[in-house]
PDB file of all heavy atoms in Angstrom:
ATOM      1  N   ARG A   1      44.917  27.207 -22.712  1.00  0.00           N
ATOM      2  CA  ARG A   1      43.923  28.058 -22.063  1.00  0.00           C
ATOM      3  C   ARG A   1      42.757  27.182 -21.636  1.00  0.00           C
ATOM      4  O   ARG A   1      42.345  26.297 -22.364  1.00  0.00           O
ATOM      5  CB  ARG A   1      43.449  29.115 -23.059  1.00  0.00           C
ATOM      6  CG  ARG A   1      42.443  30.050 -22.488  1.00  0.00           C
ATOM      7  CD  ARG A   1      42.093  31.136 -23.469  1.00  0.00           C
ATOM      8  NE  ARG A   1      41.174  32.067 -22.849  1.00  0.00           N
ATOM      9  CZ  ARG A   1      40.615  33.075 -23.462  1.00  0.00           C
ATOM     10  NH1 ARG A   1      40.899  33.302 -24.719  1.00  0.00           N
ATOM     11  NH2 ARG A   1      39.790  33.867 -22.839  1.00  0.00           N
ATOM     12  N   ALA A   2      42.243  27.437 -20.454  1.00  0.00           N
ATOM     13  CA  ALA A   2      41.089  26.702 -19.937  1.00  0.00           C
ATOM     14  C   ALA A   2      39.879  27.621 -19.938  1.00  0.00           C
ATOM     15  O   ALA A   2      39.982  28.804 -19.612  1.00  0.00           O
ATOM     16  CB  ALA A   2      41.367  26.200 -18.529  1.00  0.00           C
ATOM     17  N   LEU A   3      38.744  27.068 -20.315  1.00  0.00           N
ATOM     18  CA  LEU A   3      37.474  27.799 -20.305  1.00  0.00           C
ATOM     19  C   LEU A   3      36.450  26.951 -19.572  1.00  0.00           C
ATOM     20  O   LEU A   3      36.510  25.726 -19.611  1.00  0.00           O
ATOM     21  CB  LEU A   3      36.978  28.046 -21.733  1.00  0.00           C
ATOM     22  CG  LEU A   3      37.910  28.771 -22.683  1.00  0.00           C
ATOM     23  CD1 LEU A   3      37.360  28.697 -24.096  1.00  0.00           C
ATOM     24  CD2 LEU A   3      38.048  30.212 -22.258  1.00  0.00           C
ATOM     25  N   SER A   4      35.496  27.609 -18.931  1.00  0.00           N
ATOM     26  CA  SER A   4      34.415  26.896 -18.273  1.00  0.00           C
ATOM     27  C   SER A   4      33.104  27.536 -18.682  1.00  0.00           C
ATOM     28  O   SER A   4      32.990  28.758 -18.741  1.00  0.00           O
ATOM     29  CB  SER A   4      34.584  26.965 -16.753  1.00  0.00           C
ATOM     30  OG  SER A   4      33.538  26.262 -16.126  1.00  0.00           O
ATOM     31  N   ARG A   5      32.151  26.694 -18.948  1.00  0.00           N
ATOM     32  CA  ARG A   5      30.826  27.168 -19.318  1.00  0.00           C
ATOM     33  C   ARG A   5      29.815  26.250 -18.666  1.00  0.00           C
ATOM     34  O   ARG A   5      29.811  25.052 -18.936  1.00  0.00           O
ATOM     35  CB  ARG A   5      30.690  27.154 -20.842  1.00  0.00           C
ATOM     36  CG  ARG A   5      29.410  27.738 -21.303  1.00  0.00           C
ATOM     37  CD  ARG A   5      29.431  27.886 -22.801  1.00  0.00           C
ATOM     38  NE  ARG A   5      28.172  28.435 -23.235  1.00  0.00           N
ATOM     39  CZ  ARG A   5      27.848  28.656 -24.476  1.00  0.00           C
ATOM     40  NH1 ARG A   5      28.721  28.408 -25.418  1.00  0.00           N
ATOM     41  NH2 ARG A   5      26.685  29.144 -24.778  1.00  0.00           N
ATOM     42  N   ASP A   6      28.979  26.806 -17.802  1.00  0.00           N
ATOM     43  CA  ASP A   6      27.961  26.017 -17.092  1.00  0.00           C
ATOM     44  C   ASP A   6      28.560  24.811 -16.386  1.00  0.00           C
ATOM     45  O   ASP A   6      27.990  23.730 -16.377  1.00  0.00           O
ATOM     46  CB  ASP A   6      26.869  25.537 -18.048  1.00  0.00           C
ATOM     47  CG  ASP A   6      26.069  26.672 -18.625  1.00  0.00           C
ATOM     48  OD1 ASP A   6      25.926  27.698 -17.948  1.00  0.00           O
ATOM     49  OD2 ASP A   6      25.596  26.538 -19.771  1.00  0.00           O
ATOM     50  N   GLY A   7      29.748  24.984 -15.819  1.00  0.00           N
ATOM     51  CA  GLY A   7      30.397  23.898 -15.119  1.00  0.00           C
ATOM     52  C   GLY A   7      31.056  22.868 -16.016  1.00  0.00           C
ATOM     53  O   GLY A   7      31.563  21.858 -15.533  1.00  0.00           O
ATOM     54  N   ILE A   8      31.048  23.097 -17.309  1.00  0.00           N
ATOM     55  CA  ILE A   8      31.701  22.201 -18.262  1.00  0.00           C
ATOM     56  C   ILE A   8      33.023  22.839 -18.664  1.00  0.00           C
ATOM     57  O   ILE A   8      33.063  24.001 -19.069  1.00  0.00           O
ATOM     58  CB  ILE A   8      30.813  21.949 -19.495  1.00  0.00           C
ATOM     59  CG1 ILE A   8      29.529  21.265 -19.036  1.00  0.00           C
ATOM     60  CG2 ILE A   8      31.551  21.119 -20.540  1.00  0.00           C
ATOM     61  CD1 ILE A   8      28.451  21.207 -20.083  1.00  0.00           C
ATOM     62  N   ASP A   9      34.097  22.076 -18.516  1.00  0.00           N
ATOM     63  CA  ASP A   9      35.424  22.608 -18.808  1.00  0.00           C
ATOM     64  C   ASP A   9      35.850  22.298 -20.234  1.00  0.00           C
ATOM     65  O   ASP A   9      35.591  21.206 -20.754  1.00  0.00           O
ATOM     66  CB  ASP A   9      36.448  22.017 -17.841  1.00  0.00           C
ATOM     67  CG  ASP A   9      36.185  22.435 -16.407  1.00  0.00           C
ATOM     68  OD1 ASP A   9      35.687  23.563 -16.192  1.00  0.00           O
ATOM     69  OD2 ASP A   9      36.474  21.635 -15.500  1.00  0.00           O
ATOM     70  N   TYR A  10      36.517  23.269 -20.831  1.00  0.00           N
ATOM     71  CA  TYR A  10      37.086  23.154 -22.172  1.00  0.00           C
ATOM     72  C   TYR A  10      38.548  23.567 -22.096  1.00  0.00           C
ATOM     73  O   TYR A  10      38.933  24.372 -21.254  1.00  0.00           O
ATOM     74  CB  TYR A  10      36.371  24.094 -23.151  1.00  0.00           C
ATOM     75  CG  TYR A  10      34.928  23.758 -23.384  1.00  0.00           C
ATOM     76  CD1 TYR A  10      33.922  24.328 -22.614  1.00  0.00           C
ATOM     77  CD2 TYR A  10      34.562  22.885 -24.398  1.00  0.00           C
ATOM     78  CE1 TYR A  10      32.589  24.035 -22.835  1.00  0.00           C
ATOM     79  CE2 TYR A  10      33.226  22.586 -24.627  1.00  0.00           C
ATOM     80  CZ  TYR A  10      32.247  23.159 -23.850  1.00  0.00           C
ATOM     81  OH  TYR A  10      30.933  22.855 -24.080  1.00  0.00           O
ATOM     82  N   SER A  11      39.343  23.030 -22.987  1.00  0.00           N
ATOM     83  CA  SER A  11      40.728  23.478 -23.076  1.00  0.00           C
ATOM     84  C   SER A  11      41.062  23.802 -24.530  1.00  0.00           C
ATOM     85  O   SER A  11      40.487  23.232 -25.460  1.00  0.00           O
ATOM     86  CB  SER A  11      41.682  22.409 -22.547  1.00  0.00           C
ATOM     87  OG  SER A  11      41.609  21.248 -23.341  1.00  0.00           O
ATOM     88  N   ILE A  12      41.973  24.746 -24.686  1.00  0.00           N
ATOM     89  CA  ILE A  12      42.499  25.127 -25.992  1.00  0.00           C
ATOM     90  C   ILE A  12      44.012  25.040 -25.887  1.00  0.00           C
ATOM     91  O   ILE A  12      44.600  25.558 -24.934  1.00  0.00           O
ATOM     92  CB  ILE A  12      42.087  26.566 -26.373  1.00  0.00           C
ATOM     93  CG1 ILE A  12      40.571  26.674 -26.519  1.00  0.00           C
ATOM     94  CG2 ILE A  12      42.790  27.001 -27.660  1.00  0.00           C
ATOM     95  CD1 ILE A  12      40.074  28.100 -26.737  1.00  0.00           C
ATOM     96  N   SER A  13      44.632  24.384 -26.849  1.00  0.00           N
ATOM     97  CA  SER A  13      46.091  24.304 -26.918  1.00  0.00           C
ATOM     98  C   SER A  13      46.540  24.912 -28.237  1.00  0.00           C
ATOM     99  O   SER A  13      46.008  24.565 -29.297  1.00  0.00           O
ATOM    100  CB  SER A  13      46.556  22.854 -26.832  1.00  0.00           C
ATOM    101  OG  SER A  13      46.185  22.293 -25.604  1.00  0.00           O
ATOM    102  N   VAL A  14      47.503  25.813 -28.162  1.00  0.00           N
ATOM    103  CA  VAL A  14      47.993  26.513 -29.351  1.00  0.00           C
ATOM    104  C   VAL A  14      49.414  26.054 -29.653  1.00  0.00           C
ATOM    105  O   VAL A  14      50.248  25.939 -28.755  1.00  0.00           O
ATOM    106  CB  VAL A  14      47.970  28.046 -29.147  1.00  0.00           C
ATOM    107  CG1 VAL A  14      48.446  28.769 -30.396  1.00  0.00           C
ATOM    108  CG2 VAL A  14      46.578  28.511 -28.751  1.00  0.00           C
ATOM    109  N   TYR A  15      49.667  25.818 -30.920  1.00  0.00           N
ATOM    110  CA  TYR A  15      50.975  25.380 -31.403  1.00  0.00           C
ATOM    111  C   TYR A  15      51.410  26.276 -32.558  1.00  0.00           C
ATOM    112  O   TYR A  15      50.581  26.934 -33.189  1.00  0.00           O
ATOM    113  CB  TYR A  15      50.906  23.934 -31.904  1.00  0.00           C
ATOM    114  CG  TYR A  15      50.514  22.961 -30.827  1.00  0.00           C
ATOM    115  CD1 TYR A  15      49.182  22.721 -30.513  1.00  0.00           C
ATOM    116  CD2 TYR A  15      51.486  22.298 -30.098  1.00  0.00           C
ATOM    117  CE1 TYR A  15      48.829  21.840 -29.508  1.00  0.00           C
ATOM    118  CE2 TYR A  15      51.142  21.409 -29.087  1.00  0.00           C
ATOM    119  CZ  TYR A  15      49.816  21.185 -28.808  1.00  0.00           C
ATOM    120  OH  TYR A  15      49.466  20.308 -27.812  1.00  0.00           O
ATOM    121  N   ARG A  16      52.714  26.263 -32.818  1.00  0.00           N
ATOM    122  CA  ARG A  16      53.241  27.034 -33.945  1.00  0.00           C
ATOM    123  C   ARG A  16      54.116  26.125 -34.795  1.00  0.00           C
ATOM    124  O   ARG A  16      54.876  25.317 -34.279  1.00  0.00           O
ATOM    125  CB  ARG A  16      54.072  28.211 -33.453  1.00  0.00           C
ATOM    126  CG  ARG A  16      54.546  29.073 -34.592  1.00  0.00           C
ATOM    127  CD  ARG A  16      55.272  30.289 -34.110  1.00  0.00           C
ATOM    128  NE  ARG A  16      55.507  31.129 -35.263  1.00  0.00           N
ATOM    129  CZ  ARG A  16      55.803  32.390 -35.218  1.00  0.00           C
ATOM    130  NH1 ARG A  16      55.904  32.993 -34.052  1.00  0.00           N
ATOM    131  NH2 ARG A  16      55.995  33.079 -36.303  1.00  0.00           N
ATOM    132  N   ARG A  17      53.955  26.272 -36.087  1.00  0.00           N
ATOM    133  CA  ARG A  17      54.843  25.621 -37.041  1.00  0.00           C
ATOM    134  C   ARG A  17      55.071  26.595 -38.185  1.00  0.00           C
ATOM    135  O   ARG A  17      54.544  27.704 -38.168  1.00  0.00           O
ATOM    136  CB  ARG A  17      54.284  24.284 -37.518  1.00  0.00           C
ATOM    137  CG  ARG A  17      52.998  24.393 -38.287  1.00  0.00           C
ATOM    138  CD  ARG A  17      52.543  23.030 -38.773  1.00  0.00           C
ATOM    139  NE  ARG A  17      51.166  23.116 -39.227  1.00  0.00           N
ATOM    140  CZ  ARG A  17      50.311  22.145 -39.202  1.00  0.00           C
ATOM    141  NH1 ARG A  17      50.669  20.972 -38.764  1.00  0.00           N
ATOM    142  NH2 ARG A  17      49.087  22.315 -39.630  1.00  0.00           N
ATOM    143  N   LEU A  18      55.827  26.191 -39.151  1.00  0.00           N
ATOM    144  CA  LEU A  18      56.234  27.091 -40.219  1.00  0.00           C
ATOM    145  C   LEU A  18      55.059  27.836 -40.856  1.00  0.00           C
ATOM    146  O   LEU A  18      55.160  29.020 -41.143  1.00  0.00           O
ATOM    147  CB  LEU A  18      57.010  26.313 -41.288  1.00  0.00           C
ATOM    148  CG  LEU A  18      57.658  27.148 -42.377  1.00  0.00           C
ATOM    149  CD1 LEU A  18      58.630  28.154 -41.775  1.00  0.00           C
ATOM    150  CD2 LEU A  18      58.374  26.254 -43.370  1.00  0.00           C
ATOM    151  N   GLY A  19      53.912  27.183 -41.026  1.00  0.00           N
ATOM    152  CA  GLY A  19      52.759  27.806 -41.670  1.00  0.00           C
ATOM    153  C   GLY A  19      51.991  28.778 -40.801  1.00  0.00           C
ATOM    154  O   GLY A  19      51.040  29.400 -41.258  1.00  0.00           O
ATOM    155  N   GLY A  20      52.350  28.931 -39.543  1.00  0.00           N
ATOM    156  CA  GLY A  20      51.659  29.838 -38.641  1.00  0.00           C
ATOM    157  C   GLY A  20      51.202  29.131 -37.375  1.00  0.00           C
ATOM    158  O   GLY A  20      51.716  28.080 -37.006  1.00  0.00           O
ATOM    159  N   PHE A  21      50.226  29.713 -36.716  1.00  0.00           N
ATOM    160  CA  PHE A  21      49.679  29.175 -35.470  1.00  0.00           C
ATOM    161  C   PHE A  21      48.447  28.333 -35.769  1.00  0.00           C
ATOM    162  O   PHE A  21      47.660  28.659 -36.648  1.00  0.00           O
ATOM    163  CB  PHE A  21      49.272  30.322 -34.538  1.00  0.00           C
ATOM    164  CG  PHE A  21      50.424  31.125 -34.037  1.00  0.00           C
ATOM    165  CD1 PHE A  21      50.906  32.202 -34.758  1.00  0.00           C
ATOM    166  CD2 PHE A  21      51.037  30.813 -32.836  1.00  0.00           C
ATOM    167  CE1 PHE A  21      51.976  32.951 -34.295  1.00  0.00           C
ATOM    168  CE2 PHE A  21      52.106  31.545 -32.362  1.00  0.00           C
ATOM    169  CZ  PHE A  21      52.568  32.616 -33.100  1.00  0.00           C
ATOM    170  N   PHE A  22      48.278  27.261 -35.020  1.00  0.00           N
ATOM    171  CA  PHE A  22      47.048  26.491 -35.096  1.00  0.00           C
ATOM    172  C   PHE A  22      46.703  26.031 -33.690  1.00  0.00           C
ATOM    173  O   PHE A  22      47.562  25.991 -32.813  1.00  0.00           O
ATOM    174  CB  PHE A  22      47.158  25.318 -36.076  1.00  0.00           C
ATOM    175  CG  PHE A  22      48.153  24.267 -35.698  1.00  0.00           C
ATOM    176  CD1 PHE A  22      47.732  23.085 -35.122  1.00  0.00           C
ATOM    177  CD2 PHE A  22      49.499  24.458 -35.920  1.00  0.00           C
ATOM    178  CE1 PHE A  22      48.654  22.102 -34.766  1.00  0.00           C
ATOM    179  CE2 PHE A  22      50.429  23.482 -35.572  1.00  0.00           C
ATOM    180  CZ  PHE A  22      50.002  22.306 -34.996  1.00  0.00           C
ATOM    181  N   ALA A  23      45.423  25.725 -33.471  1.00  0.00           N
ATOM    182  CA  ALA A  23      44.962  25.388 -32.128  1.00  0.00           C
ATOM    183  C   ALA A  23      43.977  24.228 -32.178  1.00  0.00           C
ATOM    184  O   ALA A  23      43.280  24.029 -33.169  1.00  0.00           O
ATOM    185  CB  ALA A  23      44.311  26.607 -31.482  1.00  0.00           C
ATOM    186  N   PHE A  24      43.934  23.472 -31.079  1.00  0.00           N
ATOM    187  CA  PHE A  24      42.975  22.391 -30.864  1.00  0.00           C
ATOM    188  C   PHE A  24      42.121  22.754 -29.653  1.00  0.00           C
ATOM    189  O   PHE A  24      42.583  23.443 -28.761  1.00  0.00           O
ATOM    190  CB  PHE A  24      43.696  21.081 -30.517  1.00  0.00           C
ATOM    191  CG  PHE A  24      44.536  20.514 -31.597  1.00  0.00           C
ATOM    192  CD1 PHE A  24      45.858  20.897 -31.741  1.00  0.00           C
ATOM    193  CD2 PHE A  24      44.019  19.574 -32.469  1.00  0.00           C
ATOM    194  CE1 PHE A  24      46.660  20.353 -32.723  1.00  0.00           C
ATOM    195  CE2 PHE A  24      44.815  19.016 -33.460  1.00  0.00           C
ATOM    196  CZ  PHE A  24      46.135  19.409 -33.586  1.00  0.00           C
ATOM    197  N   TRP A  25      40.901  22.250 -29.604  1.00  0.00           N
ATOM    198  CA  TRP A  25      40.076  22.432 -28.414  1.00  0.00           C
ATOM    199  C   TRP A  25      39.571  21.059 -27.977  1.00  0.00           C
ATOM    200  O   TRP A  25      39.545  20.116 -28.746  1.00  0.00           O
ATOM    201  CB  TRP A  25      38.917  23.383 -28.671  1.00  0.00           C
ATOM    202  CG  TRP A  25      37.914  22.874 -29.667  1.00  0.00           C
ATOM    203  CD1 TRP A  25      37.955  23.028 -31.026  1.00  0.00           C
ATOM    204  CD2 TRP A  25      36.733  22.123 -29.401  1.00  0.00           C
ATOM    205  NE1 TRP A  25      36.880  22.412 -31.608  1.00  0.00           N
ATOM    206  CE2 TRP A  25      36.110  21.854 -30.632  1.00  0.00           C
ATOM    207  CE3 TRP A  25      36.149  21.644 -28.247  1.00  0.00           C
ATOM    208  CZ2 TRP A  25      34.930  21.130 -30.729  1.00  0.00           C
ATOM    209  CZ3 TRP A  25      34.963  20.925 -28.349  1.00  0.00           C
ATOM    210  CH2 TRP A  25      34.367  20.681 -29.588  1.00  0.00           C
ATOM    211  N   GLU A  26      39.163  20.982 -26.713  1.00  0.00           N
ATOM    212  CA  GLU A  26      38.629  19.736 -26.170  1.00  0.00           C
ATOM    213  C   GLU A  26      37.555  20.047 -25.142  1.00  0.00           C
ATOM    214  O   GLU A  26      37.719  20.922 -24.306  1.00  0.00           O
ATOM    215  CB  GLU A  26      39.743  18.928 -25.518  1.00  0.00           C
ATOM    216  CG  GLU A  26      39.274  17.611 -24.948  1.00  0.00           C
ATOM    217  CD  GLU A  26      40.387  16.794 -24.325  1.00  0.00           C
ATOM    218  OE1 GLU A  26      41.523  17.292 -24.198  1.00  0.00           O
ATOM    219  OE2 GLU A  26      40.110  15.645 -23.960  1.00  0.00           O
ATOM    220  N   CYS A  27      36.451  19.307 -25.211  1.00  0.00           N
ATOM    221  CA  CYS A  27      35.403  19.351 -24.195  1.00  0.00           C
ATOM    222  C   CYS A  27      35.722  18.259 -23.190  1.00  0.00           C
ATOM    223  O   CYS A  27      35.777  17.077 -23.535  1.00  0.00           O
ATOM    224  CB  CYS A  27      34.035  19.108 -24.819  1.00  0.00           C
ATOM    225  SG  CYS A  27      32.704  18.981 -23.598  1.00  0.00           S
ATOM    226  N   LYS A  28      35.924  18.646 -21.927  1.00  0.00           N
ATOM    227  CA  LYS A  28      36.312  17.687 -20.897  1.00  0.00           C
ATOM    228  C   LYS A  28      35.158  16.784 -20.464  1.00  0.00           C
ATOM    229  O   LYS A  28      35.386  15.697 -19.957  1.00  0.00           O
ATOM    230  CB  LYS A  28      36.884  18.418 -19.677  1.00  0.00           C
ATOM    231  CG  LYS A  28      38.102  19.245 -19.991  1.00  0.00           C
ATOM    232  CD  LYS A  28      39.255  18.380 -20.459  1.00  0.00           C
ATOM    233  CE  LYS A  28      40.490  19.222 -20.686  1.00  0.00           C
ATOM    234  NZ  LYS A  28      41.655  18.432 -21.019  1.00  0.00           N
ATOM    235  N   GLN A  29      33.911  17.221 -20.682  1.00  0.00           N
ATOM    236  CA  GLN A  29      32.782  16.398 -20.262  1.00  0.00           C
ATOM    237  C   GLN A  29      32.538  15.244 -21.230  1.00  0.00           C
ATOM    238  O   GLN A  29      32.325  14.116 -20.808  1.00  0.00           O
ATOM    239  CB  GLN A  29      31.504  17.220 -20.143  1.00  0.00           C
ATOM    240  CG  GLN A  29      30.311  16.361 -19.740  1.00  0.00           C
ATOM    241  CD  GLN A  29      29.099  17.170 -19.373  1.00  0.00           C
ATOM    242  OE1 GLN A  29      29.222  18.219 -18.756  1.00  0.00           O
ATOM    243  NE2 GLN A  29      27.945  16.692 -19.739  1.00  0.00           N
ATOM    244  N   CYS A  30      32.555  15.511 -22.506  1.00  0.00           N
ATOM    245  CA  CYS A  30      32.237  14.447 -23.462  1.00  0.00           C
ATOM    246  C   CYS A  30      33.454  14.010 -24.273  1.00  0.00           C
ATOM    247  O   CYS A  30      33.306  13.274 -25.246  1.00  0.00           O
ATOM    248  CB  CYS A  30      31.081  14.850 -24.364  1.00  0.00           C
ATOM    249  SG  CYS A  30      31.327  16.344 -25.297  1.00  0.00           S
ATOM    250  N   ALA A  31      34.626  14.466 -23.874  1.00  0.00           N
ATOM    251  CA  ALA A  31      35.884  14.071 -24.517  1.00  0.00           C
ATOM    252  C   ALA A  31      35.865  14.305 -26.020  1.00  0.00           C
ATOM    253  O   ALA A  31      36.454  13.571 -26.792  1.00  0.00           O
ATOM    254  CB  ALA A  31      36.235  12.631 -24.184  1.00  0.00           C
ATOM    255  N   ASN A  32      35.176  15.365 -26.448  1.00  0.00           N
ATOM    256  CA  ASN A  32      35.138  15.719 -27.861  1.00  0.00           C
ATOM    257  C   ASN A  32      36.332  16.599 -28.173  1.00  0.00           C
ATOM    258  O   ASN A  32      36.487  17.675 -27.605  1.00  0.00           O
ATOM    259  CB  ASN A  32      33.840  16.458 -28.182  1.00  0.00           C
ATOM    260  CG  ASN A  32      33.702  16.748 -29.656  1.00  0.00           C
ATOM    261  OD1 ASN A  32      34.606  16.529 -30.445  1.00  0.00           O
ATOM    262  ND2 ASN A  32      32.548  17.255 -30.029  1.00  0.00           N
ATOM    263  N   GLN A  33      37.187  16.148 -29.073  1.00  0.00           N
ATOM    264  CA  GLN A  33      38.320  16.949 -29.502  1.00  0.00           C
ATOM    265  C   GLN A  33      38.005  17.519 -30.867  1.00  0.00           C
ATOM    266  O   GLN A  33      37.762  16.782 -31.812  1.00  0.00           O
ATOM    267  CB  GLN A  33      39.594  16.115 -29.560  1.00  0.00           C
ATOM    268  CG  GLN A  33      40.028  15.654 -28.201  1.00  0.00           C
ATOM    269  CD  GLN A  33      41.345  14.908 -28.253  1.00  0.00           C
ATOM    270  OE1 GLN A  33      41.802  14.519 -29.297  1.00  0.00           O
ATOM    271  NE2 GLN A  33      41.939  14.722 -27.104  1.00  0.00           N
ATOM    272  N   GLY A  34      38.015  18.834 -30.942  1.00  0.00           N
ATOM    273  CA  GLY A  34      37.735  19.482 -32.206  1.00  0.00           C
ATOM    274  C   GLY A  34      38.917  19.410 -33.147  1.00  0.00           C
ATOM    275  O   GLY A  34      40.051  19.174 -32.746  1.00  0.00           O
ATOM    276  N   SER A  35      38.651  19.579 -34.410  1.00  0.00           N
ATOM    277  CA  SER A  35      39.701  19.609 -35.419  1.00  0.00           C
ATOM    278  C   SER A  35      40.590  20.818 -35.186  1.00  0.00           C
ATOM    279  O   SER A  35      40.142  21.846 -34.686  1.00  0.00           O
ATOM    280  CB  SER A  35      39.085  19.721 -36.811  1.00  0.00           C
ATOM    281  OG  SER A  35      38.231  18.644 -37.056  1.00  0.00           O
TER     282      SER A  35
END
């Protein structure tokens, strides 16, 4: 999923494994990848 806020783009990627769903996010402007 892509999100934009004040012209700054973010992405969220969702994955599934045995324990359930988990997701990562990333700020495209400062290349910050969240846990």
